[in-house]
Amino acid sequence: MEQAKAVLDMGEHAVFIWVSYGVAALILALLVFSTLRRIRESERRLQALGGGRRAARDGEAVPHEGREPGRDPR
């Protein structure tokens, strides 16, 4: 119990360390939230175009409009 208390206390640097941990946790949470939101948005957009996870999972090829097969678009 004393070891855990000593680790959590951290002496004179405790405020800096705990604020740093809090800021890091907040940034990581925001990144996860942002990533999940972008994934949902991309999936909605893909569904609107007629593709999606289901088509990709079933092995269906989704055609690329305006592009000839085997040609570099550049």
N, C-alpha and C. Protein backbone atom coordinates (compact mmCIF):
# COMPACT_ATOMS: atom_id res chain seq x y z
N MET A 1 0.82 -1.19 0.00
CA MET A 1 0.00 0.00 0.00
C MET A 1 0.87 1.26 0.00
N GLU A 2 1.94 1.22 0.75
CA GLU A 2 2.84 2.38 0.80
C GLU A 2 3.51 2.62 -0.54
N GLN A 3 3.82 1.55 -1.27
CA GLN A 3 4.44 1.70 -2.59
C GLN A 3 3.49 2.40 -3.55
N ALA A 4 2.23 2.00 -3.51
CA ALA A 4 1.24 2.63 -4.40
C ALA A 4 1.08 4.10 -4.05
N LYS A 5 1.06 4.41 -2.77
CA LYS A 5 0.93 5.80 -2.34
C LYS A 5 2.14 6.62 -2.78
N ALA A 6 3.33 6.04 -2.69
CA ALA A 6 4.55 6.73 -3.10
C ALA A 6 4.55 6.99 -4.61
N VAL A 7 4.05 6.03 -5.38
CA VAL A 7 4.00 6.20 -6.83
C VAL A 7 3.01 7.30 -7.19
N LEU A 8 1.86 7.33 -6.54
CA LEU A 8 0.85 8.32 -6.84
C LEU A 8 1.22 9.71 -6.34
N ASP A 9 2.02 9.80 -5.30
CA ASP A 9 2.39 11.10 -4.72
C ASP A 9 3.30 11.88 -5.66
N MET A 10 4.40 11.32 -6.10
CA MET A 10 5.36 11.90 -7.04
C MET A 10 6.02 13.19 -6.58
N GLY A 11 5.92 13.52 -5.34
CA GLY A 11 6.64 14.66 -4.79
C GLY A 11 6.22 16.00 -5.37
N GLU A 12 7.18 16.88 -5.53
CA GLU A 12 6.90 18.25 -5.97
C GLU A 12 6.48 18.35 -7.44
N HIS A 13 6.68 17.29 -8.17
CA HIS A 13 6.34 17.30 -9.60
C HIS A 13 4.96 16.71 -9.88
N ALA A 14 4.22 16.37 -8.84
CA ALA A 14 2.94 15.67 -9.00
C ALA A 14 1.96 16.46 -9.87
N VAL A 15 1.84 17.76 -9.66
CA VAL A 15 0.88 18.56 -10.41
C VAL A 15 1.21 18.51 -11.91
N PHE A 16 2.46 18.73 -12.24
CA PHE A 16 2.88 18.71 -13.64
C PHE A 16 2.62 17.34 -14.27
N ILE A 17 2.97 16.28 -13.57
CA ILE A 17 2.83 14.93 -14.11
C ILE A 17 1.36 14.58 -14.30
N TRP A 18 0.51 14.85 -13.30
CA TRP A 18 -0.91 14.48 -13.42
C TRP A 18 -1.64 15.32 -14.46
N VAL A 19 -1.27 16.58 -14.58
CA VAL A 19 -1.86 17.41 -15.64
C VAL A 19 -1.42 16.88 -17.01
N SER A 20 -0.18 16.49 -17.13
CA SER A 20 0.32 15.93 -18.39
C SER A 20 -0.41 14.64 -18.75
N TYR A 21 -0.61 13.76 -17.77
CA TYR A 21 -1.38 12.54 -18.01
C TYR A 21 -2.80 12.87 -18.45
N GLY A 22 -3.41 13.85 -17.82
CA GLY A 22 -4.77 14.24 -18.17
C GLY A 22 -4.87 14.80 -19.58
N VAL A 23 -3.92 15.66 -19.95
CA VAL A 23 -3.91 16.23 -21.30
C VAL A 23 -3.69 15.13 -22.34
N ALA A 24 -2.77 14.22 -22.06
CA ALA A 24 -2.51 13.12 -22.99
C ALA A 24 -3.75 12.23 -23.14
N ALA A 25 -4.42 11.92 -22.04
CA ALA A 25 -5.63 11.10 -22.11
C ALA A 25 -6.73 11.81 -22.89
N LEU A 26 -6.87 13.11 -22.70
CA LEU A 26 -7.87 13.89 -23.42
C LEU A 26 -7.58 13.89 -24.92
N ILE A 27 -6.33 14.10 -25.29
CA ILE A 27 -5.95 14.11 -26.71
C ILE A 27 -6.21 12.74 -27.34
N LEU A 28 -5.85 11.66 -26.64
CA LEU A 28 -6.09 10.32 -27.17
C LEU A 28 -7.59 10.07 -27.35
N ALA A 29 -8.40 10.49 -26.39
CA ALA A 29 -9.85 10.31 -26.49
C ALA A 29 -10.41 11.10 -27.67
N LEU A 30 -9.94 12.32 -27.87
CA LEU A 30 -10.40 13.12 -29.00
C LEU A 30 -9.99 12.50 -30.34
N LEU A 31 -8.80 11.93 -30.40
CA LEU A 31 -8.36 11.26 -31.63
C LEU A 31 -9.22 10.04 -31.93
N VAL A 32 -9.55 9.26 -30.91
CA VAL A 32 -10.40 8.09 -31.11
C VAL A 32 -11.78 8.53 -31.58
N PHE A 33 -12.36 9.53 -30.93
CA PHE A 33 -13.67 10.04 -31.31
C PHE A 33 -13.67 10.56 -32.75
N SER A 34 -12.65 11.32 -33.09
CA SER A 34 -12.55 11.89 -34.44
C SER A 34 -12.41 10.79 -35.49
N THR A 35 -11.60 9.78 -35.20
CA THR A 35 -11.39 8.68 -36.13
C THR A 35 -12.68 7.90 -36.35
N LEU A 36 -13.38 7.59 -35.27
CA LEU A 36 -14.65 6.85 -35.39
C LEU A 36 -15.69 7.65 -36.17
N ARG A 37 -15.73 8.96 -35.95
CA ARG A 37 -16.67 9.80 -36.68
C ARG A 37 -16.34 9.81 -38.17
N ARG A 38 -15.05 9.91 -38.50
CA ARG A 38 -14.65 9.91 -39.92
C ARG A 38 -14.95 8.57 -40.58
N ILE A 39 -14.77 7.48 -39.85
CA ILE A 39 -15.08 6.16 -40.40
C ILE A 39 -16.56 6.07 -40.73
N ARG A 40 -17.42 6.49 -39.77
CA ARG A 40 -18.87 6.45 -40.01
C ARG A 40 -19.25 7.33 -41.20
N GLU A 41 -18.66 8.51 -41.28
CA GLU A 41 -18.95 9.43 -42.38
C GLU A 41 -18.51 8.82 -43.72
N SER A 42 -17.35 8.22 -43.76
CA SER A 42 -16.85 7.60 -44.99
C SER A 42 -17.72 6.42 -45.39
N GLU A 43 -18.16 5.62 -44.43
CA GLU A 43 -19.03 4.49 -44.74
C GLU A 43 -20.37 4.97 -45.30
N ARG A 44 -20.92 6.06 -44.73
CA ARG A 44 -22.17 6.61 -45.25
C ARG A 44 -22.00 7.09 -46.69
N ARG A 45 -20.89 7.77 -46.94
CA ARG A 45 -20.62 8.27 -48.28
C ARG A 45 -20.43 7.12 -49.27
N LEU A 46 -19.75 6.08 -48.83
CA LEU A 46 -19.53 4.91 -49.68
C LEU A 46 -20.85 4.20 -49.97
N GLN A 47 -21.71 4.09 -48.98
CA GLN A 47 -23.02 3.48 -49.19
C GLN A 47 -23.83 4.29 -50.20
N ALA A 48 -23.74 5.62 -50.13
CA ALA A 48 -24.46 6.48 -51.06
C ALA A 48 -23.97 6.29 -52.50
N LEU A 49 -22.72 5.90 -52.65
CA LEU A 49 -22.15 5.66 -53.98
C LEU A 49 -22.43 4.25 -54.48
N GLY A 50 -23.02 3.42 -53.62
CA GLY A 50 -23.38 2.07 -54.04
C GLY A 50 -22.40 1.00 -53.62
N GLY A 51 -21.40 1.35 -52.88
CA GLY A 51 -20.44 0.36 -52.42
C GLY A 51 -20.67 0.09 -50.95
N GLY A 52 -19.62 -0.21 -50.26
CA GLY A 52 -19.73 -0.40 -48.83
C GLY A 52 -19.03 -1.65 -48.36
N ARG A 53 -19.09 -1.88 -47.08
CA ARG A 53 -18.43 -3.04 -46.50
C ARG A 53 -19.01 -4.34 -47.02
N ARG A 54 -20.33 -4.38 -47.16
CA ARG A 54 -20.98 -5.61 -47.59
C ARG A 54 -20.48 -6.03 -48.98
N ALA A 55 -20.41 -5.08 -49.90
CA ALA A 55 -19.94 -5.39 -51.25
C ALA A 55 -18.48 -5.84 -51.22
N ALA A 56 -17.68 -5.17 -50.45
CA ALA A 56 -16.26 -5.52 -50.37
C ALA A 56 -16.08 -6.89 -49.70
N ARG A 57 -16.91 -7.18 -48.72
CA ARG A 57 -16.81 -8.45 -48.01
C ARG A 57 -17.24 -9.61 -48.91
N ASP A 58 -18.26 -9.38 -49.74
CA ASP A 58 -18.77 -10.43 -50.61
C ASP A 58 -17.87 -10.66 -51.82
N GLY A 59 -16.85 -9.85 -51.97
CA GLY A 59 -15.91 -10.01 -53.06
C GLY A 59 -16.35 -9.36 -54.35
N GLU A 60 -17.39 -8.55 -54.30
CA GLU A 60 -17.85 -7.87 -55.51
C GLU A 60 -16.89 -6.75 -55.87
N ALA A 61 -16.64 -6.60 -57.13
CA ALA A 61 -15.80 -5.50 -57.59
C ALA A 61 -16.67 -4.27 -57.76
N VAL A 62 -16.23 -3.17 -57.21
CA VAL A 62 -16.95 -1.92 -57.37
C VAL A 62 -16.29 -1.16 -58.50
N PRO A 63 -17.01 -0.92 -59.62
CA PRO A 63 -16.39 -0.25 -60.77
C PRO A 63 -16.04 1.20 -60.46
N HIS A 64 -14.95 1.65 -61.06
CA HIS A 64 -14.54 3.04 -60.94
C HIS A 64 -15.04 3.78 -62.17
N GLU A 65 -15.94 4.72 -61.95
CA GLU A 65 -16.52 5.45 -63.08
C GLU A 65 -15.50 6.40 -63.69
N GLY A 66 -15.53 6.52 -65.02
CA GLY A 66 -14.66 7.47 -65.70
C GLY A 66 -13.23 7.02 -65.84
N ARG A 67 -12.97 5.74 -65.62
CA ARG A 67 -11.61 5.25 -65.71
C ARG A 67 -11.60 3.93 -66.46
N GLU A 68 -10.73 3.82 -67.41
CA GLU A 68 -10.61 2.59 -68.16
C GLU A 68 -9.72 1.63 -67.39
N PRO A 69 -10.07 0.34 -67.38
CA PRO A 69 -9.23 -0.63 -66.69
C PRO A 69 -7.85 -0.70 -67.31
N GLY A 70 -6.85 -0.77 -66.46
CA GLY A 70 -5.48 -0.92 -66.92
C GLY A 70 -4.80 0.37 -67.34
N ARG A 71 -5.48 1.50 -67.27
CA ARG A 71 -4.88 2.77 -67.65
C ARG A 71 -4.61 3.63 -66.45
N ASP A 72 -3.46 4.24 -66.43
CA ASP A 72 -3.09 5.14 -65.35
C ASP A 72 -3.85 6.46 -65.54
N PRO A 73 -4.58 6.94 -64.52
CA PRO A 73 -5.38 8.14 -64.68
C PRO A 73 -4.58 9.43 -64.82
N ARG A 74 -3.26 9.37 -64.63
CA ARG A 74 -2.46 10.59 -64.72
C ARG A 74 -2.18 10.97 -66.11
